[in-house]
C-alpha atoms as a PDB file:
ATOM      1  CA  MET A   1      -0.023   0.109   0.183  1.00  0.00           C
ATOM      2  CA  ALA A   2       1.378   3.522  -0.855  1.00  0.00           C
ATOM      3  CA  LEU A   3       2.052   5.542   1.755  1.00  0.00           C
ATOM      4  CA  LYS A   4      -0.463   8.067   1.196  1.00  0.00           C
ATOM      5  CA  ASP A   5      -3.089   5.472   0.920  1.00  0.00           C
ATOM      6  CA  LEU A   6      -1.902   4.190   4.219  1.00  0.00           C
ATOM      7  CA  LEU A   7      -2.742   7.612   5.740  1.00  0.00           C
ATOM      8  CA  ILE A   8      -5.722   8.271   4.009  1.00  0.00           C
ATOM      9  CA  SER A   9      -7.162   4.887   5.272  1.00  0.00           C
ATOM     10  CA  SER A  10      -6.246   6.027   8.848  1.00  0.00           C
ATOM     11  CA  SER A  11      -8.305   8.931   8.792  1.00  0.00           C
ATOM     12  CA  PRO A  12     -11.305   8.974  11.192  1.00  0.00           C
ATOM     13  CA  ASN A  13     -14.459   7.827   9.802  1.00  0.00           C
ATOM     14  CA  TYR A  14     -17.999   9.807  10.742  1.00  0.00           C
ATOM     15  CA  CYS A  15     -21.477   8.464  10.266  1.00  0.00           C
ATOM     16  CA  LYS A  16     -24.257  11.090  10.255  1.00  0.00           C
ATOM     17  CA  ASN A  17     -27.744  11.165   9.665  1.00  0.00           C
ATOM     18  CA  LEU A  18     -28.734  13.706   6.895  1.00  0.00           C
ATOM     19  CA  LEU A  19     -31.860  15.934   7.495  1.00  0.00           C
ATOM     20  CA  SER A  20     -33.697  13.898   5.213  1.00  0.00           C
ATOM     21  CA  GLY A  21     -32.948  10.749   7.236  1.00  0.00           C
ATOM     22  CA  ARG A  22     -30.270   9.295   4.749  1.00  0.00           C
ATOM     23  CA  ASN A  23     -27.249   7.775   6.857  1.00  0.00           C
ATOM     24  CA  VAL A  24     -23.823   8.842   5.206  1.00  0.00           C
ATOM     25  CA  CYS A  25     -20.580   7.730   6.312  1.00  0.00           C
ATOM     26  CA  PHE A  26     -17.224   9.975   5.100  1.00  0.00           C
ATOM     27  CA  ARG A  27     -13.640  10.716   6.014  1.00  0.00           C
ATOM     28  CA  PRO A  28     -12.539  14.253   6.385  1.00  0.00           C
ATOM     29  CA  MET A  29     -10.776  16.166   3.197  1.00  0.00           C
ATOM     30  CA  ILE A  30      -7.175  15.831   2.968  1.00  0.00           C
ATOM     31  CA  VAL A  31      -5.427  19.124   2.248  1.00  0.00           C
ATOM     32  CA  GLY A  32      -4.952  18.456  -1.417  1.00  0.00           C
ATOM     33  CA  GLU A  33      -8.796  18.307  -1.628  1.00  0.00           C
ATOM     34  CA  GLU A  34      -9.175  21.365   0.340  1.00  0.00           C
ATOM     35  CA  LYS A  35      -6.999  23.216  -2.144  1.00  0.00           C
ATOM     36  CA  SER A  36      -8.577  21.919  -5.082  1.00  0.00           C
ATOM     37  CA  LEU A  37     -11.799  23.502  -3.623  1.00  0.00           C
ATOM     38  CA  LEU A  38     -10.105  26.877  -2.750  1.00  0.00           C
ATOM     39  CA  LEU A  39      -8.834  27.229  -6.379  1.00  0.00           C
ATOM     40  CA  ALA A  40     -12.323  26.577  -7.850  1.00  0.00           C
ATOM     41  CA  LYS A  41     -14.010  29.163  -5.487  1.00  0.00           C
ATOM     42  CA  GLN A  42     -11.129  31.442  -7.016  1.00  0.00           C
ATOM     43  CA  THR A  43     -12.525  30.811 -10.577  1.00  0.00           C
ATOM     44  CA  GLU A  44     -16.196  32.048  -9.640  1.00  0.00           C
ATOM     45  CA  ASP A  45     -17.223  29.519 -12.160  1.00  0.00           C
ATOM     46  CA  LYS A  46     -19.961  27.468 -10.921  1.00  0.00           C
ATOM     47  CA  LYS A  47     -19.424  24.192 -13.078  1.00  0.00           C
ATOM     48  CA  SER A  48     -15.773  24.164 -12.051  1.00  0.00           C
ATOM     49  CA  ILE A  49     -17.143  24.680  -8.385  1.00  0.00           C
ATOM     50  CA  LEU A  50     -19.723  21.728  -8.716  1.00  0.00           C
ATOM     51  CA  LYS A  51     -17.077  19.329 -10.577  1.00  0.00           C
ATOM     52  CA  ASN A  52     -14.678  19.787  -7.643  1.00  0.00           C
ATOM     53  CA  LEU A  53     -17.105  19.546  -5.156  1.00  0.00           C
ATOM     54  CA  ILE A  54     -18.868  16.500  -6.525  1.00  0.00           C
ATOM     55  CA  ASN A  55     -15.144  14.729  -7.012  1.00  0.00           C
ATOM     56  CA  VAL A  56     -14.337  15.635  -3.435  1.00  0.00           C
ATOM     57  CA  LEU A  57     -17.398  14.374  -1.965  1.00  0.00           C
ATOM     58  CA  SER A  58     -17.306  11.259  -3.877  1.00  0.00           C
ATOM     59  CA  ASP A  59     -13.854  10.698  -2.832  1.00  0.00           C
ATOM     60  CA  CYS A  60     -14.722  11.219   0.938  1.00  0.00           C
ATOM     61  CA  CYS A  61     -18.013   9.103   1.277  1.00  0.00           C
ATOM     62  CA  SER A  62     -18.427   5.264   1.449  1.00  0.00           C
ATOM     63  CA  ASP A  63     -19.614   3.784  -1.651  1.00  0.00           C
ATOM     64  CA  ASP A  64     -22.017   1.525   0.673  1.00  0.00           C
ATOM     65  CA  ASP A  65     -23.992   4.444   1.237  1.00  0.00           C
ATOM     66  CA  ILE A  66     -23.925   6.856  -1.917  1.00  0.00           C
ATOM     67  CA  LYS A  67     -23.454   4.599  -5.118  1.00  0.00           C
ATOM     68  CA  ASP A  68     -23.419   7.733  -7.402  1.00  0.00           C
ATOM     69  CA  ILE A  69     -23.383  11.195  -5.704  1.00  0.00           C
ATOM     70  CA  LYS A  70     -24.760  12.769  -8.696  1.00  0.00           C
ATOM     71  CA  LYS A  71     -28.020  11.290  -7.970  1.00  0.00           C
ATOM     72  CA  ILE A  72     -28.480  12.436  -4.370  1.00  0.00           C
ATOM     73  CA  THR A  73     -30.928  15.652  -4.305  1.00  0.00           C
ATOM     74  CA  ILE A  74     -29.355  19.313  -4.039  1.00  0.00           C
ATOM     75  CA  ALA A  75     -30.497  19.542  -0.267  1.00  0.00           C
ATOM     76  CA  GLU A  76     -28.924  16.177   0.405  1.00  0.00           C
ATOM     77  CA  PHE A  77     -25.689  17.416  -1.391  1.00  0.00           C
ATOM     78  CA  GLU A  78     -25.563  20.872   0.511  1.00  0.00           C
ATOM     79  CA  ASN A  79     -26.215  19.014   3.916  1.00  0.00           C
ATOM     80  CA  LEU A  80     -23.399  16.445   3.007  1.00  0.00           C
ATOM     81  CA  PHE A  81     -21.155  19.237   2.102  1.00  0.00           C
ATOM     82  CA  LEU A  82     -21.702  21.269   5.394  1.00  0.00           C
ATOM     83  CA  LEU A  83     -20.856  18.239   7.397  1.00  0.00           C
ATOM     84  CA  LEU A  84     -17.901  17.367   5.587  1.00  0.00           C
ATOM     85  CA  ARG A  85     -16.670  20.976   5.817  1.00  0.00           C
ATOM     86  CA  SER A  86     -17.770  20.509   9.480  1.00  0.00           C
ATOM     87  CA  LYS A  87     -15.567  17.666  10.339  1.00  0.00           C
ATOM     88  CA  SER A  88     -12.362  18.740   8.249  1.00  0.00           C
ATOM     89  CA  ILE A  89     -12.169  22.456   9.355  1.00  0.00           C
ATOM     90  CA  GLY A  90     -14.050  23.149  12.122  1.00  0.00           C
ATOM     91  CA  GLU A  91     -18.116  23.323  13.253  1.00  0.00           C
ATOM     92  CA  THR A  92     -18.049  26.902  13.602  1.00  0.00           C
ATOM     93  CA  GLU A  93     -17.488  29.701  11.245  1.00  0.00           C
ATOM     94  CA  THR A  94     -17.227  33.297  12.158  1.00  0.00           C
ATOM     95  CA  PHE A  95     -17.388  36.098   9.113  1.00  0.00           C
ATOM     96  CA  LEU A  96     -18.329  39.830   8.623  1.00  0.00           C
ATOM     97  CA  VAL A  97     -21.227  40.450   6.513  1.00  0.00           C
ATOM     98  CA  LYS A  98     -23.146  43.777   5.791  1.00  0.00           C
ATOM     99  CA  CYS A  99     -26.430  44.128   7.209  1.00  0.00           C
ATOM    100  CA  PRO A 100     -29.146  44.556   4.560  1.00  0.00           C
ATOM    101  CA  GLU A 101     -31.047  46.875   6.961  1.00  0.00           C
ATOM    102  CA  THR A 102     -28.486  49.312   8.231  1.00  0.00           C
ATOM    103  CA  GLN A 103     -25.499  48.654   5.641  1.00  0.00           C
ATOM    104  CA  GLU A 104     -23.098  48.324   8.790  1.00  0.00           C
ATOM    105  CA  GLN A 105     -20.524  45.424   8.755  1.00  0.00           C
ATOM    106  CA  VAL A 106     -21.564  42.880  11.657  1.00  0.00           C
ATOM    107  CA  GLN A 107     -19.998  39.787  12.851  1.00  0.00           C
ATOM    108  CA  ILE A 108     -21.890  36.380  12.557  1.00  0.00           C
ATOM    109  CA  LYS A 109     -21.062  33.293  14.132  1.00  0.00           C
ATOM    110  CA  VAL A 110     -22.583  30.271  12.682  1.00  0.00           C
ATOM    111  CA  ASN A 111     -22.485  26.409  13.953  1.00  0.00           C
ATOM    112  CA  LEU A 112     -22.580  24.379  10.238  1.00  0.00           C
ATOM    113  CA  GLU A 113     -24.157  21.235  12.210  1.00  0.00           C
ATOM    114  CA  SER A 114     -26.908  22.646  14.675  1.00  0.00           C
ATOM    115  CA  ASP A 115     -27.902  25.760  12.789  1.00  0.00           C
ATOM    116  CA  LEU A 116     -28.525  23.997   9.770  1.00  0.00           C
ATOM    117  CA  LYS A 117     -32.380  23.491   9.138  1.00  0.00           C
ATOM    118  CA  LEU A 118     -34.698  21.768   6.601  1.00  0.00           C
ATOM    119  CA  SER A 119     -37.915  23.019   5.347  1.00  0.00           C
ATOM    120  CA  VAL A 120     -39.757  19.932   5.402  1.00  0.00           C
ATOM    121  CA  ASN A 121     -42.375  20.224   2.682  1.00  0.00           C
ATOM    122  CA  THR A 122     -44.109  17.463   0.617  1.00  0.00           C
ATOM    123  CA  PRO A 123     -45.913  19.153  -2.493  1.00  0.00           C
ATOM    124  CA  ASN A 124     -47.890  16.872  -4.801  1.00  0.00           C
ATOM    125  CA  ASN A 125     -45.326  15.809  -7.362  1.00  0.00           C
ATOM    126  CA  ILE A 126     -48.220  14.647  -9.750  1.00  0.00           C
ATOM    127  CA  ILE A 127     -49.119  17.659 -12.137  1.00  0.00           C
ATOM    128  CA  LYS A 128     -52.254  17.118 -14.439  1.00  0.00           C
ATOM    129  CA  LEU A 129     -51.342  18.998 -17.524  1.00  0.00           C
ATOM    130  CA  ASN A 130     -54.954  18.078 -19.325  1.00  0.00           C
ATOM    131  CA  ASP A 131     -57.136  15.238 -19.312  1.00  0.00           C
ATOM    132  CA  ASN A 132     -55.076  12.881 -21.298  1.00  0.00           C
ATOM    133  CA  LEU A 133     -51.561  14.154 -19.768  1.00  0.00           C
ATOM    134  CA  VAL A 134     -49.941  13.718 -16.310  1.00  0.00           C
ATOM    135  CA  ILE A 135     -46.333  14.595 -15.245  1.00  0.00           C
ATOM    136  CA  VAL A 136     -44.786  13.184 -12.316  1.00  0.00           C
ATOM    137  CA  MET A 137     -41.992  15.262 -10.927  1.00  0.00           C
ATOM    138  CA  GLN A 138     -39.013  14.589  -8.887  1.00  0.00           C
ATOM    139  CA  GLU A 139     -36.704  16.688  -6.674  1.00  0.00           C
ATOM    140  CA  PRO A 140     -33.732  18.069  -8.404  1.00  0.00           C
ATOM    141  CA  THR A 141     -30.658  16.270  -8.177  1.00  0.00           C
ATOM    142  CA  ILE A 142     -27.082  17.409  -8.202  1.00  0.00           C
ATOM    143  CA  HIS A 143     -26.872  16.423 -11.612  1.00  0.00           C
ATOM    144  CA  ALA A 144     -29.480  18.664 -12.725  1.00  0.00           C
ATOM    145  CA  LEU A 145     -27.582  21.627 -10.859  1.00  0.00           C
ATOM    146  CA  PHE A 146     -24.349  20.686 -12.462  1.00  0.00           C
ATOM    147  CA  LYS A 147     -25.972  20.497 -16.131  1.00  0.00           C
ATOM    148  CA  TYR A 148     -27.737  23.676 -15.448  1.00  0.00           C
ATOM    149  CA  PRO A 149     -26.005  25.573 -12.820  1.00  0.00           C
ATOM    150  CA  ASN A 150     -27.164  29.009 -14.049  1.00  0.00           C
ATOM    151  CA  TYR A 151     -30.924  27.882 -14.184  1.00  0.00           C
ATOM    152  CA  ASP A 152     -31.988  30.774 -11.500  1.00  0.00           C
ATOM    153  CA  LYS A 153     -30.600  33.501 -14.014  1.00  0.00           C
ATOM    154  CA  ASP A 154     -31.112  32.177 -17.507  1.00  0.00           C
ATOM    155  CA  SER A 155     -34.389  31.144 -18.687  1.00  0.00           C
ATOM    156  CA  GLU A 156     -32.755  28.771 -21.477  1.00  0.00           C
ATOM    157  CA  GLU A 157     -30.989  26.746 -18.347  1.00  0.00           C
ATOM    158  CA  LEU A 158     -34.305  26.832 -16.578  1.00  0.00           C
ATOM    159  CA  PHE A 159     -36.058  24.829 -19.087  1.00  0.00           C
ATOM    160  CA  GLY A 160     -33.036  22.163 -19.003  1.00  0.00           C
ATOM    161  CA  PHE A 161     -33.309  22.319 -15.485  1.00  0.00           C
ATOM    162  CA  ILE A 162     -37.354  21.688 -15.484  1.00  0.00           C
ATOM    163  CA  GLY A 163     -36.783  18.919 -17.755  1.00  0.00           C
ATOM    164  CA  CYS A 164     -34.217  17.040 -15.435  1.00  0.00           C
ATOM    165  CA  CYS A 165     -36.920  16.989 -12.731  1.00  0.00           C
ATOM    166  CA  ILE A 166     -39.597  15.255 -14.680  1.00  0.00           C
ATOM    167  CA  LYS A 167     -39.634  11.986 -14.042  1.00  0.00           C
ATOM    168  CA  GLU A 168     -42.492  10.351 -15.873  1.00  0.00           C
ATOM    169  CA  LEU A 169     -45.245  11.377 -18.401  1.00  0.00           C
ATOM    170  CA  GLN A 170     -48.257   9.202 -18.114  1.00  0.00           C
ATOM    171  CA  THR A 171     -51.023   9.192 -20.610  1.00  0.00           C
ATOM    172  CA  LYS A 172     -54.345   7.137 -20.509  1.00  0.00           C
ATOM    173  CA  LYS A 173     -52.521   4.358 -22.429  1.00  0.00           C
ATOM    174  CA  GLU A 174     -48.934   4.658 -21.401  1.00  0.00           C
ATOM    175  CA  THR A 175     -46.250   5.674 -18.861  1.00  0.00           C
ATOM    176  CA  ILE A 176     -43.043   7.203 -20.712  1.00  0.00           C
ATOM    177  CA  ASN A 177     -39.660   7.390 -18.435  1.00  0.00           C
ATOM    178  CA  CYS A 178     -38.605  10.880 -19.355  1.00  0.00           C
ATOM    179  CA  GLN A 179     -34.911   9.949 -17.635  1.00  0.00           C
ATOM    180  CA  ASP A 180     -34.070   7.888 -20.618  1.00  0.00           C
ATOM    181  CA  MET A 181     -35.091  10.288 -23.293  1.00  0.00           C
ATOM    182  CA  PRO A 182     -32.960  12.788 -25.238  1.00  0.00           C
ATOM    183  CA  ASP A 183     -32.235  16.174 -23.639  1.00  0.00           C
ATOM    184  CA  GLN A 184     -33.488  18.087 -26.388  1.00  0.00           C
ATOM    185  CA  GLU A 185     -36.926  16.315 -26.811  1.00  0.00           C
ATOM    186  CA  ILE A 186     -37.569  16.789 -22.916  1.00  0.00           C
ATOM    187  CA  LEU A 187     -36.163  20.681 -23.717  1.00  0.00           C
ATOM    188  CA  ASP A 188     -38.899  20.944 -26.499  1.00  0.00           C
ATOM    189  CA  PHE A 189     -41.544  19.578 -24.318  1.00  0.00           C
ATOM    190  CA  VAL A 190     -41.042  21.966 -21.686  1.00  0.00           C
ATOM    191  CA  LYS A 191     -41.029  25.116 -24.109  1.00  0.00           C
ATOM    192  CA  ASN A 192     -44.170  24.034 -25.477  1.00  0.00           C
ATOM    193  CA  LEU A 193     -46.152  23.989 -21.921  1.00  0.00           C
ATOM    194  CA  ASN A 194     -48.462  26.649 -21.316  1.00  0.00           C
ATOM    195  CA  LYS A 195     -48.242  29.374 -18.699  1.00  0.00           C
ATOM    196  CA  LYS A 196     -50.418  27.793 -16.489  1.00  0.00           C
ATOM    197  CA  GLN A 197     -48.838  24.362 -16.898  1.00  0.00           C
ATOM    198  CA  PHE A 198     -45.411  25.950 -16.584  1.00  0.00           C
ATOM    199  CA  ASN A 199     -46.392  27.871 -13.330  1.00  0.00           C
ATOM    200  CA  GLU A 200     -47.450  24.609 -11.677  1.00  0.00           C
ATOM    201  CA  ILE A 201     -44.284  23.169 -12.288  1.00  0.00           C
ATOM    202  CA  ILE A 202     -42.271  26.089 -10.745  1.00  0.00           C
ATOM    203  CA  HIS A 203     -44.806  26.036  -7.709  1.00  0.00           C
ATOM    204  CA  TYR A 204     -43.928  22.666  -7.229  1.00  0.00           C
ATOM    205  CA  LEU A 205     -39.942  23.637  -7.479  1.00  0.00           C
ATOM    206  CA  ASN A 206     -40.426  26.357  -4.993  1.00  0.00           C
ATOM    207  CA  GLU A 207     -42.326  24.361  -2.531  1.00  0.00           C
ATOM    208  CA  ILE A 208     -39.986  21.592  -2.121  1.00  0.00           C
ATOM    209  CA  SER A 209     -37.629  20.891   1.112  1.00  0.00           C
ATOM    210  CA  LYS A 210     -34.526  23.120   1.043  1.00  0.00           C
ATOM    211  CA  THR A 211     -32.116  23.648   3.650  1.00  0.00           C
ATOM    212  CA  TYR A 212     -31.142  27.204   5.170  1.00  0.00           C
ATOM    213  CA  ILE A 213     -29.315  28.551   7.969  1.00  0.00           C
ATOM    214  CA  ILE A 214     -30.847  31.439  10.325  1.00  0.00           C
ATOM    215  CA  ALA A 215     -27.831  33.695  11.906  1.00  0.00           C
ATOM    216  CA  ASN A 216     -28.757  35.783  14.612  1.00  0.00           C
ATOM    217  CA  TYR A 217     -27.003  38.992  15.505  1.00  0.00           C
ATOM    218  CA  LYS A 218     -27.352  42.580  16.568  1.00  0.00           C
ATOM    219  CA  THR A 219     -26.653  46.031  14.998  1.00  0.00           C
ATOM    220  CA  LYS A 220     -25.184  49.097  16.451  1.00  0.00           C
ATOM    221  CA  ASP A 221     -28.544  50.355  17.853  1.00  0.00           C
ATOM    222  CA  GLY A 222     -29.125  47.188  19.654  1.00  0.00           C
ATOM    223  CA  THR A 223     -31.511  45.739  17.623  1.00  0.00           C
ATOM    224  CA  SER A 224     -31.627  41.778  17.376  1.00  0.00           C
ATOM    225  CA  ARG A 225     -31.808  40.872  13.339  1.00  0.00           C
ATOM    226  CA  GLN A 226     -31.612  37.495  11.332  1.00  0.00           C
ATOM    227  CA  LEU A 227     -29.815  36.613   8.371  1.00  0.00           C
ATOM    228  CA  LYS A 228     -30.946  33.739   6.390  1.00  0.00           C
ATOM    229  CA  ILE A 229     -28.432  31.969   4.234  1.00  0.00           C
ATOM    230  CA  ASN A 230     -29.325  29.150   1.693  1.00  0.00           C
ATOM    231  CA  GLY A 231     -28.157  27.697  -1.459  1.00  0.00           C
ATOM    232  CA  LEU A 232     -25.128  25.726  -2.468  1.00  0.00           C
ATOM    233  CA  PHE A 233     -23.113  28.525  -3.736  1.00  0.00           C
ATOM    234  CA  ASN A 234     -23.743  30.823  -1.020  1.00  0.00           C
ATOM    235  CA  TYR A 235     -22.875  27.999   1.462  1.00  0.00           C
ATOM    236  CA  PHE A 236     -19.534  27.493  -0.584  1.00  0.00           C
ATOM    237  CA  SER A 237     -18.668  31.295  -0.658  1.00  0.00           C
ATOM    238  CA  PHE A 238     -19.407  31.924   3.101  1.00  0.00           C
ATOM    239  CA  PHE A 239     -18.062  28.576   4.894  1.00  0.00           C
ATOM    240  CA  LEU A 240     -14.925  27.555   2.513  1.00  0.00           C
ATOM    241  CA  THR A 241     -12.602  29.812   4.071  1.00  0.00           C
ATOM    242  CA  ILE A 242      -9.650  27.598   5.092  1.00  0.00           C
END
């Protein structure tokens, strides 16, 4: 066994339950992995950040728990990243932010394990488009985010992102597995939805479970305030400060 493999194999192993209930076991990041994430952060390129995150989390996690990390939901991936960061660098992070109300710089301290919450929602994933057509949605996976990392700012990417979340298309005669269909065919389907149908899908995506952190702080006037932090790229920006 190579010396580096001997060192890595002797690292501590942690087993934790994600907020979704999934159990995961993982080792801490090594310094080379931390450096790769810092370099990706400097690029400010979402695809580069995601590629490095996926590689690092895949290497750190046990194959018995997660066979293919790209298939876990975005919320689970966010939770796993913060757990890995917590055990590799430290559970707490202190940083300065600008208060959106007073515009002053305030210090915020966050515990990445106890302060992380999950908005537990179970919206109906079956959407009736018309009398003959029903779609079955699924929560977006990290694979969908990797393919369309700018879906929140680019309408074309939003169409593709939605397509990744359509699991099945049901008619009165058949059920079509959309996950095996060509991307372009699904994209064309999404683009041809009417406004009401499209909004029902957006409503589903807005209502699914999401992770978030509420940070409490006080401004100079003595007022207690809160800052909500959510989203994988915000977590990456705030909490990867090695």
